[in-house]
Amino acid sequence: MNERFDRIDRTITSALRRWSLPALRVSLGIVFVWFGALKVFGVTPVADLVADTVYWFDPDWVVPVLGWAEMVVGVGLIFGVWLRAVLALFVAQMAGTFLVLVVQPDVAFTDGNPLLLTVEGEFVVKNLVLLSAGLVIGATVRGRAERRDDAADVDLLTV
């Protein structure tokens, strides 16, 4: 019984090792394209939240520009291209979302209590998970480049 369980466990964890990072990268990319498109087409439910958080910018252009930036991040993640630059933009955008907690604490917290999040506060704090997902993807960027370099070295050796 233990050998059978061990075989099943190895098969599952092997599949997870192979597919989990690409699934994480693509799913994160889809979220960014989707949320960005909502901003670009002016149908995002967070337009007022964004406008009130970065009140020093004109919301008529900052919300769509943010949307385009999110779509660039999303496409880069989906296709796995320019990941270093894409992830730098991703981190900047994610860091910006936490401005709500600083600039609009009355919107993020109930009665000023940082332990009692409002719906908007929960919306912002859940970005910790997205940020962590981006960091996991970032941790693989060098490995991807090294694997490509190794493959190129093998190709050079076989010429």
Protein backbone atom coordinates (compact mmCIF):
# COMPACT_ATOMS: atom_id res chain seq x y z
CA MET A 1 0.00 0.00 0.00
CA ASN A 2 2.78 2.46 0.88
CA GLU A 3 4.62 1.73 -2.37
CA ARG A 4 1.47 2.37 -4.38
CA PHE A 5 0.84 5.62 -2.49
CA ASP A 6 4.47 6.62 -2.99
CA ARG A 7 4.23 5.96 -6.75
CA ILE A 8 1.04 8.01 -7.02
CA ASP A 9 2.57 10.78 -4.92
CA ARG A 10 5.70 10.88 -7.11
CA THR A 11 3.59 11.04 -10.26
CA ILE A 12 1.47 13.89 -8.93
CA THR A 13 4.39 15.92 -7.55
CA SER A 14 6.31 15.39 -10.78
CA ALA A 15 3.38 16.80 -12.77
CA LEU A 16 3.07 19.69 -10.32
CA ARG A 17 6.79 20.46 -10.67
CA ARG A 18 6.42 20.57 -14.43
CA TRP A 19 3.16 22.53 -14.73
CA SER A 20 2.70 24.65 -11.60
CA LEU A 21 5.04 27.53 -12.48
CA PRO A 22 3.75 27.91 -16.04
CA ALA A 23 0.17 27.73 -14.70
CA LEU A 24 0.98 30.39 -12.09
CA ARG A 25 2.62 32.65 -14.68
CA VAL A 26 -0.22 32.32 -17.20
CA SER A 27 -3.03 32.65 -14.65
CA LEU A 28 -1.40 35.76 -13.17
CA GLY A 29 -1.04 37.10 -16.70
CA ILE A 30 -4.72 36.49 -17.43
CA VAL A 31 -5.73 38.37 -14.28
CA PHE A 32 -3.55 41.32 -15.29
CA VAL A 33 -4.84 41.43 -18.88
CA TRP A 34 -8.43 41.17 -17.65
CA PHE A 35 -8.16 43.83 -14.92
CA GLY A 36 -6.13 46.08 -17.22
CA ALA A 37 -8.69 45.80 -20.03
CA LEU A 38 -11.45 46.83 -17.62
CA LYS A 39 -9.49 50.00 -16.89
CA VAL A 40 -8.67 50.69 -20.54
CA PHE A 41 -12.32 50.33 -21.61
CA GLY A 42 -13.57 52.41 -18.68
CA VAL A 43 -15.66 49.68 -17.05
CA THR A 44 -13.57 48.92 -13.99
CA PRO A 45 -15.31 49.02 -10.63
CA VAL A 46 -12.13 50.42 -9.04
CA ALA A 47 -11.83 53.60 -11.13
CA ASP A 48 -12.96 55.83 -8.26
CA LEU A 49 -10.69 54.04 -5.80
CA VAL A 50 -7.70 54.56 -8.11
CA ALA A 51 -8.65 58.18 -8.83
CA ASP A 52 -9.09 59.00 -5.14
CA THR A 53 -5.83 57.27 -4.21
CA VAL A 54 -3.63 59.01 -6.77
CA TYR A 55 -5.67 62.22 -6.65
CA TRP A 56 -2.71 64.29 -7.88
CA PHE A 57 -3.15 62.74 -11.37
CA ASP A 58 -6.04 63.27 -13.77
CA PRO A 59 -8.14 60.07 -13.54
CA ASP A 60 -9.20 60.42 -17.19
CA TRP A 61 -5.71 59.39 -18.23
CA VAL A 62 -4.16 57.69 -15.16
CA VAL A 63 -6.74 54.88 -15.01
CA PRO A 64 -6.36 53.89 -18.70
CA VAL A 65 -2.54 54.24 -18.53
CA LEU A 66 -2.53 51.96 -15.50
CA GLY A 67 -4.74 49.58 -17.45
CA TRP A 68 -2.34 49.51 -20.40
CA ALA A 69 0.57 48.89 -18.04
CA GLU A 70 -1.33 46.00 -16.46
CA MET A 71 -2.07 44.56 -19.89
CA VAL A 72 1.62 44.77 -20.83
CA VAL A 73 2.46 42.91 -17.62
CA GLY A 74 -0.21 40.32 -18.36
CA VAL A 75 0.88 39.67 -21.94
CA GLY A 76 4.52 39.43 -20.85
CA LEU A 77 3.58 36.90 -18.18
CA ILE A 78 1.34 34.85 -20.47
CA PHE A 79 4.00 34.55 -23.17
CA GLY A 80 6.97 34.52 -20.80
CA VAL A 81 8.74 37.38 -22.60
CA TRP A 82 10.82 40.24 -21.18
CA LEU A 83 10.13 38.82 -17.73
CA ARG A 84 12.67 40.97 -15.89
CA ALA A 85 11.16 44.21 -17.21
CA VAL A 86 7.62 42.88 -16.91
CA LEU A 87 8.19 41.84 -13.30
CA ALA A 88 9.73 45.22 -12.46
CA LEU A 89 6.59 46.92 -13.80
CA PHE A 90 4.50 44.33 -11.96
CA VAL A 91 6.19 45.08 -8.61
CA ALA A 92 5.78 48.84 -9.13
CA GLN A 93 2.08 48.41 -9.92
CA MET A 94 1.55 46.06 -6.97
CA ALA A 95 3.36 48.44 -4.61
CA GLY A 96 1.12 51.23 -5.86
CA THR A 97 -2.00 49.32 -4.87
CA PHE A 98 -0.94 49.51 -1.23
CA LEU A 99 -1.12 53.33 -1.40
CA VAL A 100 -4.83 52.92 -0.62
CA LEU A 101 -3.90 51.80 2.89
CA VAL A 102 -1.82 54.96 3.41
CA VAL A 103 -3.67 57.62 1.41
CA GLN A 104 -7.21 56.43 2.20
CA PRO A 105 -7.14 54.58 5.51
CA ASP A 106 -10.78 55.59 6.08
CA VAL A 107 -11.69 53.59 2.97
CA ALA A 108 -9.49 50.59 3.79
CA PHE A 109 -10.17 50.16 7.52
CA THR A 110 -13.31 50.12 9.62
CA ASP A 111 -13.27 52.78 12.34
CA GLY A 112 -9.53 53.32 11.77
CA ASN A 113 -8.72 49.84 13.07
CA PRO A 114 -6.02 48.26 10.84
CA LEU A 115 -7.27 44.79 11.80
CA LEU A 116 -10.79 45.49 10.53
CA LEU A 117 -10.61 45.67 6.76
CA THR A 118 -13.39 47.02 4.60
CA VAL A 119 -14.20 45.41 1.24
CA GLU A 120 -11.72 47.80 -0.37
CA GLY A 121 -9.13 46.97 2.28
CA GLU A 122 -9.55 43.25 1.62
CA PHE A 123 -9.27 43.94 -2.12
CA VAL A 124 -5.91 45.62 -1.52
CA VAL A 125 -4.50 43.21 1.06
CA LYS A 126 -5.21 40.18 -1.16
CA ASN A 127 -2.61 41.69 -3.47
CA LEU A 128 -0.01 40.25 -1.09
CA VAL A 129 -0.82 36.89 -2.68
CA LEU A 130 -0.43 38.29 -6.21
CA LEU A 131 2.82 39.96 -5.21
CA SER A 132 4.10 36.68 -3.77
CA ALA A 133 3.14 34.88 -6.98
CA GLY A 134 5.15 37.42 -8.97
CA LEU A 135 8.13 36.92 -6.67
CA VAL A 136 7.96 33.15 -7.23
CA ILE A 137 7.96 33.73 -10.99
CA GLY A 138 10.82 36.20 -10.61
CA ALA A 139 12.84 33.58 -8.75
CA THR A 140 12.73 31.42 -11.90
CA VAL A 141 13.87 34.04 -14.41
CA ARG A 142 17.56 33.32 -14.03
CA GLY A 143 16.95 29.59 -14.20
CA ARG A 144 15.09 30.04 -17.49
CA ALA A 145 18.01 32.01 -18.93
CA GLU A 146 20.54 29.47 -17.67
CA ARG A 147 18.53 26.59 -19.17
CA ARG A 148 18.44 28.43 -22.52
CA ASP A 149 22.21 29.09 -22.28
CA ASP A 150 22.81 25.42 -21.49
CA ALA A 151 20.71 24.43 -24.50
CA ALA A 152 22.65 26.88 -26.70
CA ASP A 153 25.94 25.43 -25.42
CA VAL A 154 24.75 21.94 -26.34
CA ASP A 155 23.77 23.20 -29.80
CA LEU A 156 27.24 24.75 -30.25
CA LEU A 157 28.88 21.52 -29.22
CA THR A 158 26.90 19.48 -31.75
CA VAL A 159 27.74 21.74 -34.71
